[in-house]
């Protein structure tokens, strides 16, 4: 069973999700304050965090920023429906994906499985890629730029791998969403764009400028 930390101050929702997630073969733990999250992650070996934005003690966005300073654990943000600015900011701060409230618990389960599939080591997915100054190993989930480790989220790693797989060819946002986020691209969904933007910043910081190109009307391309 996958050990999950769910952070939400809605006690009734947590009680409902506890029962439903256990039925889906997850092992959920719950805390209800933002200022308790970092220590909880440090003390227990969670596979993924579900983090609400509106929390007492410390907001979910503050928590996300704090966690990302030291940990790349997958994080799914819960956002208020229609709050596009919160979703985009959450992705920019390093969230792997988001789910608007209110949500169907089965949708939460599906999103969790998609993220866990992405970060798991698949026996068939052990190949290495090396193009120019970038080395990537799917087996160890490591990406190096000029020999230095890139601190990538699961989504950023998956996008980089998908682009390197088809180096020199434009990859559509729809394809990247399916490959990297394990879900179809939705209308007005900017998740892929934000993850690519974050990835470009991390590459540029290591001296890898202009490695990911925008191809108008077609998507993104890794410069071969």
N, C-alpha and C. Protein backbone atom coordinates (compact mmCIF):
# COMPACT_ATOMS: atom_id res chain seq x y z
N UNK A 1 0.84 -1.20 0.00
CA UNK A 1 0.00 0.00 0.00
C UNK A 1 0.88 1.25 0.00
N UNK A 2 0.52 2.22 -0.81
CA UNK A 2 1.29 3.46 -0.91
C UNK A 2 0.95 4.38 0.25
N UNK A 3 1.99 4.83 0.96
CA UNK A 3 1.80 5.69 2.13
C UNK A 3 1.66 7.14 1.68
N UNK A 4 0.53 7.75 2.02
CA UNK A 4 0.18 9.09 1.56
C UNK A 4 -0.04 10.01 2.75
N UNK A 5 0.49 11.24 2.64
CA UNK A 5 0.18 12.26 3.63
C UNK A 5 -0.82 13.22 3.02
N UNK A 6 -1.98 13.34 3.65
CA UNK A 6 -3.02 14.27 3.18
C UNK A 6 -3.15 15.40 4.19
N UNK A 7 -2.98 16.63 3.72
CA UNK A 7 -2.99 17.81 4.59
C UNK A 7 -4.22 18.65 4.25
N UNK A 8 -5.19 18.65 5.15
CA UNK A 8 -6.43 19.40 4.92
C UNK A 8 -7.08 19.65 6.28
N UNK A 9 -7.62 20.84 6.48
CA UNK A 9 -8.24 21.14 7.77
C UNK A 9 -9.71 20.77 7.82
N UNK A 10 -10.25 20.19 6.74
CA UNK A 10 -11.63 19.73 6.72
C UNK A 10 -11.67 18.31 7.30
N UNK A 11 -11.98 18.20 8.59
CA UNK A 11 -11.94 16.92 9.29
C UNK A 11 -12.92 15.92 8.68
N UNK A 12 -14.11 16.41 8.33
CA UNK A 12 -15.12 15.52 7.76
C UNK A 12 -14.65 14.94 6.42
N UNK A 13 -14.03 15.78 5.59
CA UNK A 13 -13.51 15.31 4.32
C UNK A 13 -12.41 14.28 4.55
N UNK A 14 -11.54 14.53 5.50
CA UNK A 14 -10.45 13.60 5.78
C UNK A 14 -10.98 12.24 6.23
N UNK A 15 -12.02 12.24 7.05
CA UNK A 15 -12.61 10.98 7.50
C UNK A 15 -13.20 10.21 6.33
N UNK A 16 -13.85 10.92 5.42
CA UNK A 16 -14.41 10.28 4.22
C UNK A 16 -13.29 9.71 3.36
N UNK A 17 -12.25 10.51 3.13
CA UNK A 17 -11.16 10.07 2.27
C UNK A 17 -10.38 8.92 2.89
N UNK A 18 -10.29 8.89 4.20
CA UNK A 18 -9.58 7.79 4.87
C UNK A 18 -10.19 6.45 4.49
N UNK A 19 -11.49 6.36 4.56
CA UNK A 19 -12.18 5.11 4.23
C UNK A 19 -12.04 4.78 2.74
N UNK A 20 -12.26 5.79 1.90
CA UNK A 20 -12.25 5.54 0.45
C UNK A 20 -10.84 5.21 -0.06
N UNK A 21 -9.84 5.91 0.44
CA UNK A 21 -8.48 5.65 -0.02
C UNK A 21 -7.98 4.28 0.43
N UNK A 22 -8.38 3.86 1.62
CA UNK A 22 -7.99 2.52 2.08
C UNK A 22 -8.62 1.44 1.20
N UNK A 23 -9.84 1.71 0.75
CA UNK A 23 -10.48 0.77 -0.17
C UNK A 23 -9.72 0.68 -1.49
N UNK A 24 -9.03 1.78 -1.85
CA UNK A 24 -8.26 1.82 -3.09
C UNK A 24 -6.81 1.39 -2.88
N UNK A 25 -6.54 0.78 -1.73
CA UNK A 25 -5.21 0.23 -1.42
C UNK A 25 -4.15 1.31 -1.20
N UNK A 26 -4.57 2.45 -0.63
CA UNK A 26 -3.64 3.45 -0.17
C UNK A 26 -3.59 3.41 1.36
N UNK A 27 -2.50 3.91 1.90
CA UNK A 27 -2.34 4.00 3.36
C UNK A 27 -2.22 5.47 3.73
N UNK A 28 -3.36 6.15 3.97
CA UNK A 28 -3.32 7.60 4.20
C UNK A 28 -3.09 7.97 5.67
N UNK A 29 -2.34 9.05 5.87
CA UNK A 29 -2.22 9.69 7.17
C UNK A 29 -2.65 11.14 6.98
N UNK A 30 -3.18 11.74 8.03
CA UNK A 30 -3.76 13.07 7.91
C UNK A 30 -3.20 14.02 8.96
N UNK A 31 -2.90 15.24 8.55
CA UNK A 31 -2.65 16.33 9.48
C UNK A 31 -3.45 17.53 8.98
N UNK A 32 -3.67 18.48 9.87
CA UNK A 32 -4.66 19.52 9.56
C UNK A 32 -4.11 20.95 9.65
N UNK A 33 -2.80 21.08 9.85
CA UNK A 33 -2.18 22.39 9.93
C UNK A 33 -0.96 22.45 9.01
N UNK A 34 -0.78 23.60 8.37
CA UNK A 34 0.33 23.74 7.46
C UNK A 34 1.68 23.77 8.14
N UNK A 35 1.74 24.29 9.37
CA UNK A 35 3.03 24.42 10.05
C UNK A 35 3.54 23.10 10.62
N UNK A 36 2.81 22.00 10.41
CA UNK A 36 3.25 20.69 10.88
C UNK A 36 3.77 19.81 9.74
N UNK A 37 3.65 20.30 8.51
CA UNK A 37 3.89 19.42 7.35
C UNK A 37 5.36 19.05 7.19
N UNK A 38 6.25 20.03 7.24
CA UNK A 38 7.66 19.75 6.95
C UNK A 38 8.23 18.73 7.93
N UNK A 39 7.95 18.89 9.21
CA UNK A 39 8.47 17.95 10.20
C UNK A 39 7.88 16.56 10.00
N UNK A 40 6.61 16.50 9.61
CA UNK A 40 5.97 15.20 9.36
C UNK A 40 6.64 14.49 8.17
N UNK A 41 6.95 15.23 7.12
CA UNK A 41 7.61 14.65 5.95
C UNK A 41 9.01 14.17 6.32
N UNK A 42 9.69 14.94 7.17
CA UNK A 42 11.03 14.55 7.59
C UNK A 42 11.01 13.27 8.42
N UNK A 43 9.94 13.08 9.19
CA UNK A 43 9.93 11.98 10.16
C UNK A 43 9.37 10.68 9.62
N UNK A 44 8.63 10.75 8.50
CA UNK A 44 8.01 9.53 7.96
C UNK A 44 8.33 9.40 6.47
N UNK A 45 8.33 8.18 6.00
CA UNK A 45 8.69 7.90 4.62
C UNK A 45 7.43 7.85 3.75
N UNK A 46 6.90 9.02 3.41
CA UNK A 46 5.72 9.10 2.55
C UNK A 46 6.12 9.02 1.09
N UNK A 47 5.21 8.48 0.27
CA UNK A 47 5.46 8.40 -1.17
C UNK A 47 4.90 9.60 -1.91
N UNK A 48 3.91 10.26 -1.32
CA UNK A 48 3.27 11.40 -2.00
C UNK A 48 2.53 12.22 -0.95
N UNK A 49 2.38 13.52 -1.24
CA UNK A 49 1.65 14.43 -0.35
C UNK A 49 0.50 15.06 -1.12
N UNK A 50 -0.68 15.08 -0.49
CA UNK A 50 -1.84 15.81 -1.01
C UNK A 50 -2.00 17.03 -0.12
N UNK A 51 -1.89 18.23 -0.69
CA UNK A 51 -1.75 19.45 0.10
C UNK A 51 -2.80 20.48 -0.30
N UNK A 52 -3.68 20.81 0.65
CA UNK A 52 -4.67 21.86 0.41
C UNK A 52 -3.99 23.22 0.49
N UNK A 53 -4.51 24.18 -0.23
CA UNK A 53 -3.92 25.53 -0.21
C UNK A 53 -4.35 26.30 1.04
N UNK A 54 -5.63 26.20 1.40
CA UNK A 54 -6.15 26.96 2.54
C UNK A 54 -5.97 26.14 3.82
N UNK A 55 -4.97 26.53 4.63
CA UNK A 55 -4.66 25.79 5.85
C UNK A 55 -4.38 26.75 7.00
N UNK A 56 -4.70 26.36 8.23
CA UNK A 56 -4.29 27.16 9.38
C UNK A 56 -2.80 26.96 9.67
N UNK A 57 -2.18 27.96 10.30
CA UNK A 57 -0.78 27.85 10.66
C UNK A 57 0.15 28.31 9.57
N UNK A 58 -0.06 27.81 8.36
CA UNK A 58 0.77 28.17 7.21
C UNK A 58 0.03 27.73 5.97
N UNK A 59 -0.02 28.59 4.95
CA UNK A 59 -0.78 28.25 3.75
C UNK A 59 -0.10 27.12 2.99
N UNK A 60 -0.89 26.43 2.16
CA UNK A 60 -0.34 25.35 1.36
C UNK A 60 0.77 25.81 0.44
N UNK A 61 0.66 27.01 -0.10
CA UNK A 61 1.70 27.53 -0.98
C UNK A 61 3.00 27.80 -0.20
N UNK A 62 2.87 28.30 1.02
CA UNK A 62 4.05 28.49 1.86
C UNK A 62 4.69 27.14 2.18
N UNK A 63 3.86 26.16 2.48
CA UNK A 63 4.36 24.82 2.78
C UNK A 63 5.09 24.24 1.58
N UNK A 64 4.49 24.38 0.40
CA UNK A 64 5.09 23.87 -0.83
C UNK A 64 6.47 24.48 -1.05
N UNK A 65 6.56 25.79 -0.89
CA UNK A 65 7.84 26.49 -1.07
C UNK A 65 8.87 25.95 -0.06
N UNK A 66 8.43 25.74 1.16
CA UNK A 66 9.31 25.26 2.23
C UNK A 66 9.80 23.84 1.95
N UNK A 67 8.88 22.96 1.56
CA UNK A 67 9.25 21.56 1.29
C UNK A 67 10.22 21.48 0.12
N UNK A 68 9.97 22.26 -0.92
CA UNK A 68 10.79 22.17 -2.13
C UNK A 68 12.23 22.65 -1.91
N UNK A 69 12.49 23.33 -0.83
CA UNK A 69 13.87 23.73 -0.54
C UNK A 69 14.73 22.52 -0.20
N UNK A 70 14.10 21.43 0.22
CA UNK A 70 14.90 20.28 0.66
C UNK A 70 14.38 18.93 0.19
N UNK A 71 13.25 18.87 -0.48
CA UNK A 71 12.66 17.57 -0.78
C UNK A 71 11.88 17.62 -2.09
N UNK A 72 12.07 16.59 -2.94
CA UNK A 72 11.37 16.51 -4.21
C UNK A 72 10.22 15.50 -4.18
N UNK A 73 9.70 15.21 -2.99
CA UNK A 73 8.57 14.29 -2.87
C UNK A 73 7.42 14.77 -3.75
N UNK A 74 6.73 13.88 -4.46
CA UNK A 74 5.59 14.32 -5.28
C UNK A 74 4.51 15.00 -4.43
N UNK A 75 3.99 16.10 -4.94
CA UNK A 75 2.96 16.86 -4.23
C UNK A 75 1.81 17.18 -5.18
N UNK A 76 0.61 16.79 -4.77
CA UNK A 76 -0.63 17.12 -5.48
C UNK A 76 -1.34 18.20 -4.70
N UNK A 77 -1.56 19.35 -5.33
CA UNK A 77 -2.22 20.46 -4.66
C UNK A 77 -3.73 20.36 -4.82
N UNK A 78 -4.46 20.70 -3.75
CA UNK A 78 -5.91 20.84 -3.82
C UNK A 78 -6.21 22.33 -3.88
N UNK A 79 -6.91 22.76 -4.92
CA UNK A 79 -7.18 24.19 -5.12
C UNK A 79 -8.68 24.43 -5.23
N UNK A 80 -9.09 25.66 -4.91
CA UNK A 80 -10.49 26.04 -5.08
C UNK A 80 -10.81 26.11 -6.56
N UNK A 81 -11.97 25.59 -6.94
CA UNK A 81 -12.36 25.61 -8.35
C UNK A 81 -12.40 27.05 -8.86
N UNK A 82 -11.76 27.27 -10.00
CA UNK A 82 -11.76 28.58 -10.60
C UNK A 82 -10.58 29.45 -10.21
N UNK A 83 -9.81 29.02 -9.19
CA UNK A 83 -8.66 29.82 -8.76
C UNK A 83 -7.43 29.48 -9.61
N UNK A 84 -7.44 29.93 -10.86
CA UNK A 84 -6.35 29.61 -11.78
C UNK A 84 -5.01 30.15 -11.29
N UNK A 85 -5.01 31.31 -10.64
CA UNK A 85 -3.75 31.89 -10.18
C UNK A 85 -3.09 31.00 -9.14
N UNK A 86 -3.88 30.40 -8.25
CA UNK A 86 -3.33 29.50 -7.25
C UNK A 86 -2.75 28.25 -7.90
N UNK A 87 -3.44 27.73 -8.91
CA UNK A 87 -2.96 26.53 -9.58
C UNK A 87 -1.61 26.80 -10.26
N UNK A 88 -1.55 27.90 -11.00
CA UNK A 88 -0.33 28.22 -11.72
C UNK A 88 0.81 28.48 -10.75
N UNK A 89 0.54 29.23 -9.68
CA UNK A 89 1.58 29.50 -8.69
C UNK A 89 2.05 28.21 -8.04
N UNK A 90 1.11 27.31 -7.73
CA UNK A 90 1.49 26.03 -7.15
C UNK A 90 2.41 25.24 -8.06
N UNK A 91 2.09 25.20 -9.35
CA UNK A 91 2.95 24.50 -10.30
C UNK A 91 4.30 25.18 -10.42
N UNK A 92 4.31 26.51 -10.42
CA UNK A 92 5.57 27.25 -10.51
C UNK A 92 6.46 26.99 -9.29
N UNK A 93 5.84 26.75 -8.14
CA UNK A 93 6.60 26.48 -6.92
C UNK A 93 7.03 25.03 -6.81
N UNK A 94 6.58 24.19 -7.75
CA UNK A 94 7.07 22.82 -7.77
C UNK A 94 6.06 21.73 -7.52
N UNK A 95 4.75 22.06 -7.48
CA UNK A 95 3.75 21.00 -7.36
C UNK A 95 3.77 20.14 -8.61
N UNK A 96 3.50 18.85 -8.43
CA UNK A 96 3.48 17.93 -9.58
C UNK A 96 2.17 18.02 -10.36
N UNK A 97 1.10 18.28 -9.67
CA UNK A 97 -0.20 18.39 -10.34
C UNK A 97 -1.16 19.04 -9.36
N UNK A 98 -2.39 19.31 -9.80
CA UNK A 98 -3.39 19.91 -8.93
C UNK A 98 -4.74 19.27 -9.19
N UNK A 99 -5.62 19.41 -8.22
CA UNK A 99 -6.99 18.92 -8.36
C UNK A 99 -7.92 19.96 -7.74
N UNK A 100 -8.88 20.48 -8.52
CA UNK A 100 -9.78 21.50 -7.97
C UNK A 100 -10.82 20.89 -7.03
N UNK A 101 -11.15 21.62 -5.97
CA UNK A 101 -12.24 21.26 -5.06
C UNK A 101 -13.54 21.89 -5.56
N UNK A 102 -14.69 21.25 -5.34
CA UNK A 102 -14.85 19.88 -4.83
C UNK A 102 -14.47 18.86 -5.89
N UNK A 103 -14.05 17.68 -5.47
CA UNK A 103 -13.61 16.67 -6.41
C UNK A 103 -14.25 15.33 -6.07
N UNK A 104 -14.30 14.48 -7.07
CA UNK A 104 -14.74 13.10 -6.87
C UNK A 104 -13.58 12.32 -6.27
N UNK A 105 -13.78 11.62 -5.15
CA UNK A 105 -12.68 10.86 -4.54
C UNK A 105 -12.02 9.89 -5.50
N UNK A 106 -12.78 9.37 -6.46
CA UNK A 106 -12.18 8.47 -7.45
C UNK A 106 -11.20 9.22 -8.37
N UNK A 107 -11.50 10.50 -8.61
CA UNK A 107 -10.57 11.32 -9.39
C UNK A 107 -9.28 11.52 -8.62
N UNK A 108 -9.39 11.74 -7.31
CA UNK A 108 -8.19 11.87 -6.48
C UNK A 108 -7.37 10.58 -6.54
N UNK A 109 -8.03 9.45 -6.41
CA UNK A 109 -7.34 8.17 -6.48
C UNK A 109 -6.64 7.99 -7.82
N UNK A 110 -7.32 8.37 -8.90
CA UNK A 110 -6.73 8.24 -10.23
C UNK A 110 -5.51 9.14 -10.38
N UNK A 111 -5.59 10.37 -9.87
CA UNK A 111 -4.46 11.29 -9.97
C UNK A 111 -3.27 10.77 -9.16
N UNK A 112 -3.56 10.23 -7.98
CA UNK A 112 -2.48 9.68 -7.14
C UNK A 112 -1.79 8.53 -7.84
N UNK A 113 -2.57 7.65 -8.43
CA UNK A 113 -1.98 6.50 -9.14
C UNK A 113 -1.15 6.97 -10.33
N UNK A 114 -1.64 8.00 -11.02
CA UNK A 114 -0.90 8.52 -12.18
C UNK A 114 0.46 9.07 -11.75
N UNK A 115 0.48 9.82 -10.65
CA UNK A 115 1.74 10.39 -10.17
C UNK A 115 2.68 9.28 -9.69
N UNK A 116 2.14 8.31 -8.97
CA UNK A 116 2.97 7.23 -8.45
C UNK A 116 3.52 6.36 -9.58
N UNK A 117 2.73 6.16 -10.63
CA UNK A 117 3.23 5.42 -11.79
C UNK A 117 4.41 6.16 -12.42
N UNK A 118 4.29 7.48 -12.47
CA UNK A 118 5.33 8.29 -13.10
C UNK A 118 6.64 8.23 -12.33
N UNK A 119 6.57 8.18 -11.00
CA UNK A 119 7.80 8.24 -10.22
C UNK A 119 8.34 6.85 -9.88
N UNK A 120 7.57 5.81 -10.16
CA UNK A 120 8.04 4.46 -9.85
C UNK A 120 9.08 4.03 -10.88
N UNK A 121 9.92 3.09 -10.49
CA UNK A 121 10.93 2.55 -11.39
C UNK A 121 10.34 1.35 -12.08
N UNK A 122 10.11 1.45 -13.35
CA UNK A 122 9.52 0.39 -14.15
C UNK A 122 10.64 -0.49 -14.70
N UNK A 123 10.48 -1.79 -14.57
CA UNK A 123 11.52 -2.70 -15.03
C UNK A 123 11.83 -2.55 -16.50
N UNK A 124 10.86 -2.08 -17.29
CA UNK A 124 11.11 -1.89 -18.71
C UNK A 124 11.66 -0.50 -19.01
N UNK A 125 11.76 0.31 -17.99
CA UNK A 125 12.11 1.71 -18.19
C UNK A 125 13.46 2.02 -17.56
N UNK A 126 14.48 1.24 -17.94
CA UNK A 126 15.77 1.36 -17.30
C UNK A 126 16.82 2.02 -18.20
N UNK A 127 16.41 2.48 -19.37
CA UNK A 127 17.38 3.02 -20.30
C UNK A 127 17.92 4.37 -19.86
N UNK A 128 19.08 4.69 -20.38
CA UNK A 128 19.74 5.95 -20.10
C UNK A 128 19.75 6.79 -21.37
N UNK A 129 19.74 8.09 -21.18
CA UNK A 129 19.81 9.02 -22.30
C UNK A 129 20.94 9.99 -22.05
N UNK A 130 21.70 10.30 -23.08
CA UNK A 130 22.75 11.31 -22.97
C UNK A 130 22.80 12.08 -24.27
N UNK A 131 22.44 13.35 -24.18
CA UNK A 131 22.45 14.24 -25.34
C UNK A 131 23.17 15.51 -24.95
N UNK A 132 24.28 15.78 -25.63
CA UNK A 132 25.07 16.96 -25.30
C UNK A 132 25.53 16.91 -23.86
N UNK A 133 25.20 17.94 -23.10
CA UNK A 133 25.66 18.04 -21.72
C UNK A 133 24.72 17.40 -20.72
N UNK A 134 23.60 16.81 -21.20
CA UNK A 134 22.61 16.24 -20.29
C UNK A 134 22.66 14.72 -20.29
N UNK A 135 22.75 14.17 -19.10
CA UNK A 135 22.66 12.73 -18.90
C UNK A 135 21.43 12.45 -18.05
N UNK A 136 20.65 11.44 -18.45
CA UNK A 136 19.42 11.12 -17.74
C UNK A 136 19.34 9.61 -17.56
N UNK A 137 19.04 9.17 -16.36
CA UNK A 137 18.85 7.75 -16.06
C UNK A 137 17.46 7.54 -15.50
N UNK A 138 16.64 6.80 -16.22
CA UNK A 138 15.30 6.51 -15.72
C UNK A 138 15.35 5.59 -14.51
N UNK A 139 16.28 4.65 -14.51
CA UNK A 139 16.34 3.67 -13.42
C UNK A 139 16.61 4.35 -12.08
N UNK A 140 17.57 5.26 -12.06
CA UNK A 140 17.89 5.96 -10.81
C UNK A 140 17.13 7.27 -10.67
N UNK A 141 16.40 7.65 -11.71
CA UNK A 141 15.65 8.90 -11.75
C UNK A 141 16.57 10.09 -11.45
N UNK A 142 17.73 10.09 -12.13
CA UNK A 142 18.69 11.18 -11.98
C UNK A 142 18.85 11.89 -13.31
N UNK A 143 19.01 13.19 -13.24
CA UNK A 143 19.32 13.99 -14.42
C UNK A 143 20.52 14.87 -14.08
N UNK A 144 21.53 14.82 -14.93
CA UNK A 144 22.74 15.61 -14.71
C UNK A 144 22.94 16.57 -15.87
N UNK A 145 23.36 17.77 -15.55
CA UNK A 145 23.72 18.76 -16.56
C UNK A 145 25.17 19.15 -16.32
N UNK A 146 26.01 18.84 -17.29
CA UNK A 146 27.45 19.09 -17.17
C UNK A 146 28.02 18.45 -15.90
N UNK A 147 27.47 17.28 -15.57
CA UNK A 147 27.95 16.53 -14.41
C UNK A 147 27.33 16.92 -13.09
N UNK A 148 26.52 17.98 -13.07
CA UNK A 148 25.89 18.43 -11.83
C UNK A 148 24.43 17.98 -11.78
N UNK A 149 24.01 17.56 -10.60
CA UNK A 149 22.65 17.05 -10.42
C UNK A 149 21.62 18.15 -10.62
N UNK A 150 20.56 17.82 -11.37
CA UNK A 150 19.41 18.70 -11.51
C UNK A 150 18.34 18.27 -10.52
N UNK A 151 17.91 19.19 -9.67
CA UNK A 151 16.86 18.88 -8.70
C UNK A 151 15.50 19.06 -9.38
N UNK A 152 14.98 17.97 -9.96
CA UNK A 152 13.74 18.03 -10.72
C UNK A 152 12.61 17.34 -9.98
N UNK A 153 11.42 17.91 -10.10
CA UNK A 153 10.24 17.21 -9.62
C UNK A 153 9.95 16.03 -10.54
N UNK A 154 9.04 15.15 -10.11
CA UNK A 154 8.70 14.01 -10.95
C UNK A 154 8.16 14.42 -12.30
N UNK A 155 7.34 15.46 -12.34
CA UNK A 155 6.76 15.92 -13.60
C UNK A 155 7.84 16.51 -14.50
N UNK A 156 8.74 17.28 -13.93
CA UNK A 156 9.81 17.88 -14.73
C UNK A 156 10.73 16.81 -15.31
N UNK A 157 11.06 15.80 -14.50
CA UNK A 157 11.89 14.70 -14.98
C UNK A 157 11.21 13.98 -16.13
N UNK A 158 9.91 13.70 -15.98
CA UNK A 158 9.17 12.97 -17.01
C UNK A 158 9.08 13.77 -18.31
N UNK A 159 8.89 15.08 -18.20
CA UNK A 159 8.84 15.93 -19.40
C UNK A 159 10.20 15.96 -20.09
N UNK A 160 11.27 16.11 -19.31
CA UNK A 160 12.61 16.12 -19.90
C UNK A 160 12.88 14.79 -20.61
N UNK A 161 12.52 13.68 -19.99
CA UNK A 161 12.73 12.36 -20.60
C UNK A 161 11.95 12.22 -21.89
N UNK A 162 10.68 12.68 -21.88
CA UNK A 162 9.84 12.58 -23.08
C UNK A 162 10.41 13.42 -24.21
N UNK A 163 10.91 14.61 -23.90
CA UNK A 163 11.49 15.47 -24.94
C UNK A 163 12.80 14.90 -25.47
N UNK A 164 13.61 14.34 -24.57
CA UNK A 164 14.87 13.76 -25.01
C UNK A 164 14.65 12.49 -25.83
N UNK A 165 13.60 11.75 -25.52
CA UNK A 165 13.26 10.56 -26.32
C UNK A 165 13.06 10.92 -27.78
N UNK A 166 12.47 12.09 -28.02
CA UNK A 166 12.19 12.54 -29.38
C UNK A 166 13.00 13.79 -29.70
N UNK A 167 14.27 13.77 -29.31
CA UNK A 167 15.14 14.92 -29.52
C UNK A 167 15.15 15.35 -30.98
N UNK A 168 14.99 16.67 -31.18
CA UNK A 168 14.98 17.22 -32.54
C UNK A 168 13.63 17.23 -33.20
N UNK A 169 12.62 16.68 -32.50
CA UNK A 169 11.27 16.60 -33.05
C UNK A 169 10.31 17.32 -32.09
N UNK A 170 9.38 18.09 -32.63
CA UNK A 170 8.40 18.78 -31.79
C UNK A 170 7.44 17.76 -31.18
N UNK A 171 7.24 17.86 -29.87
CA UNK A 171 6.32 16.99 -29.14
C UNK A 171 5.14 17.83 -28.68
N UNK A 172 3.94 17.42 -28.99
CA UNK A 172 2.75 18.21 -28.67
C UNK A 172 2.51 18.25 -27.16
N UNK A 173 1.80 19.27 -26.73
CA UNK A 173 1.44 19.38 -25.31
C UNK A 173 0.54 18.21 -24.91
N UNK A 174 -0.32 17.77 -25.82
CA UNK A 174 -1.19 16.63 -25.53
C UNK A 174 -0.37 15.39 -25.24
N UNK A 175 0.67 15.16 -26.04
CA UNK A 175 1.53 14.00 -25.84
C UNK A 175 2.32 14.12 -24.54
N UNK A 176 2.83 15.30 -24.27
CA UNK A 176 3.59 15.50 -23.05
C UNK A 176 2.72 15.31 -21.81
N UNK A 177 1.48 15.74 -21.88
CA UNK A 177 0.57 15.58 -20.74
C UNK A 177 0.31 14.09 -20.49
N UNK A 178 0.09 13.34 -21.55
CA UNK A 178 -0.15 11.90 -21.41
C UNK A 178 1.09 11.19 -20.89
N UNK A 179 2.25 11.54 -21.44
CA UNK A 179 3.49 10.85 -21.05
C UNK A 179 3.98 11.27 -19.67
N UNK A 180 3.91 12.57 -19.39
CA UNK A 180 4.51 13.09 -18.16
C UNK A 180 3.55 13.14 -16.98
N UNK A 181 2.28 13.46 -17.24
CA UNK A 181 1.31 13.57 -16.16
C UNK A 181 0.35 12.39 -16.11
N UNK A 182 0.44 11.52 -17.12
CA UNK A 182 -0.41 10.33 -17.18
C UNK A 182 -1.90 10.66 -17.18
N UNK A 183 -2.25 11.74 -17.85
CA UNK A 183 -3.66 12.11 -18.00
C UNK A 183 -3.81 12.94 -19.26
N UNK A 184 -5.03 12.99 -19.83
CA UNK A 184 -5.25 13.81 -21.02
C UNK A 184 -5.13 15.30 -20.69
N UNK A 185 -4.70 16.06 -21.68
CA UNK A 185 -4.66 17.52 -21.54
C UNK A 185 -6.09 18.05 -21.54
N UNK A 186 -6.40 18.91 -20.58
CA UNK A 186 -7.74 19.46 -20.47
C UNK A 186 -7.77 20.88 -21.03
N UNK A 187 -8.97 21.33 -21.34
CA UNK A 187 -9.13 22.69 -21.87
C UNK A 187 -8.61 23.71 -20.85
N UNK A 188 -7.88 24.69 -21.34
CA UNK A 188 -7.33 25.78 -20.53
C UNK A 188 -6.32 25.29 -19.49
N UNK A 189 -5.81 24.08 -19.66
CA UNK A 189 -4.85 23.50 -18.71
C UNK A 189 -3.43 23.95 -19.09
N UNK A 190 -2.79 24.67 -18.19
CA UNK A 190 -1.44 25.19 -18.47
C UNK A 190 -0.35 24.42 -17.73
N UNK A 191 -0.70 23.25 -17.20
CA UNK A 191 0.26 22.49 -16.40
C UNK A 191 1.55 22.22 -17.16
N UNK A 192 1.44 21.73 -18.40
CA UNK A 192 2.63 21.40 -19.17
C UNK A 192 3.48 22.64 -19.39
N UNK A 193 2.85 23.75 -19.74
CA UNK A 193 3.59 25.00 -19.98
C UNK A 193 4.37 25.43 -18.73
N UNK A 194 3.73 25.33 -17.56
CA UNK A 194 4.40 25.77 -16.34
C UNK A 194 5.55 24.82 -15.99
N UNK A 195 5.33 23.51 -16.14
CA UNK A 195 6.41 22.57 -15.87
C UNK A 195 7.60 22.80 -16.81
N UNK A 196 7.32 23.06 -18.08
CA UNK A 196 8.39 23.34 -19.04
C UNK A 196 9.12 24.62 -18.66
N UNK A 197 8.38 25.64 -18.25
CA UNK A 197 8.99 26.89 -17.83
C UNK A 197 9.93 26.66 -16.64
N UNK A 198 9.48 25.89 -15.65
CA UNK A 198 10.33 25.58 -14.50
C UNK A 198 11.57 24.81 -14.93
N UNK A 199 11.37 23.86 -15.82
CA UNK A 199 12.49 23.05 -16.31
C UNK A 199 13.52 23.91 -17.03
N UNK A 200 13.05 24.82 -17.86
CA UNK A 200 13.96 25.73 -18.57
C UNK A 200 14.79 26.57 -17.58
N UNK A 201 14.16 27.05 -16.53
CA UNK A 201 14.87 27.87 -15.55
C UNK A 201 15.97 27.07 -14.87
N UNK A 202 15.67 25.80 -14.53
CA UNK A 202 16.67 24.96 -13.87
C UNK A 202 17.81 24.62 -14.82
N UNK A 203 17.48 24.37 -16.07
CA UNK A 203 18.53 24.10 -17.06
C UNK A 203 19.40 25.33 -17.28
N UNK A 204 18.76 26.50 -17.40
CA UNK A 204 19.50 27.73 -17.63
C UNK A 204 20.42 28.06 -16.45
N UNK A 205 19.95 27.78 -15.24
CA UNK A 205 20.76 28.06 -14.05
C UNK A 205 22.04 27.23 -14.05
N UNK A 206 22.01 26.08 -14.72
CA UNK A 206 23.18 25.23 -14.80
C UNK A 206 23.98 25.42 -16.07
N UNK A 207 23.63 26.43 -16.84
CA UNK A 207 24.35 26.71 -18.08
C UNK A 207 23.77 26.04 -19.30
N UNK A 208 22.53 25.56 -19.20
CA UNK A 208 21.90 24.87 -20.33
C UNK A 208 20.79 25.70 -20.95
N UNK A 209 21.14 26.86 -21.47
CA UNK A 209 20.13 27.73 -22.09
C UNK A 209 19.69 27.17 -23.44
N UNK A 210 18.45 27.47 -23.79
CA UNK A 210 17.90 27.17 -25.12
C UNK A 210 17.93 25.68 -25.48
N UNK A 211 17.81 24.83 -24.48
CA UNK A 211 17.77 23.40 -24.76
C UNK A 211 16.36 22.92 -25.10
N UNK A 212 15.36 23.65 -24.61
CA UNK A 212 13.97 23.30 -24.92
C UNK A 212 13.36 24.45 -25.72
N UNK A 213 12.99 24.16 -26.94
CA UNK A 213 12.47 25.17 -27.85
C UNK A 213 10.96 25.10 -27.94
N UNK A 214 10.32 26.23 -28.12
CA UNK A 214 8.88 26.28 -28.40
C UNK A 214 8.68 26.24 -29.91
N UNK A 215 7.83 25.35 -30.35
CA UNK A 215 7.51 25.23 -31.78
C UNK A 215 6.06 25.65 -31.94
N UNK A 216 5.86 26.81 -32.52
CA UNK A 216 4.51 27.40 -32.56
C UNK A 216 3.51 26.45 -33.19
N UNK A 217 2.42 26.23 -32.46
CA UNK A 217 1.34 25.39 -32.96
C UNK A 217 1.61 23.90 -32.89
N UNK A 218 2.81 23.52 -32.42
CA UNK A 218 3.16 22.10 -32.40
C UNK A 218 3.58 21.59 -31.04
N UNK A 219 4.11 22.45 -30.17
CA UNK A 219 4.50 22.00 -28.86
C UNK A 219 5.91 22.41 -28.51
N UNK A 220 6.68 21.47 -27.94
CA UNK A 220 8.05 21.75 -27.49
C UNK A 220 9.01 20.75 -28.09
N UNK A 221 10.28 21.19 -28.22
CA UNK A 221 11.29 20.34 -28.85
C UNK A 221 12.60 20.45 -28.08
N UNK A 222 13.23 19.30 -27.83
CA UNK A 222 14.55 19.30 -27.23
C UNK A 222 15.57 19.53 -28.33
N UNK A 223 16.44 20.51 -28.13
CA UNK A 223 17.41 20.85 -29.17
C UNK A 223 18.48 19.77 -29.24
N UNK A 224 18.55 19.08 -30.35
CA UNK A 224 19.53 17.99 -30.50
C UNK A 224 20.89 18.54 -30.90
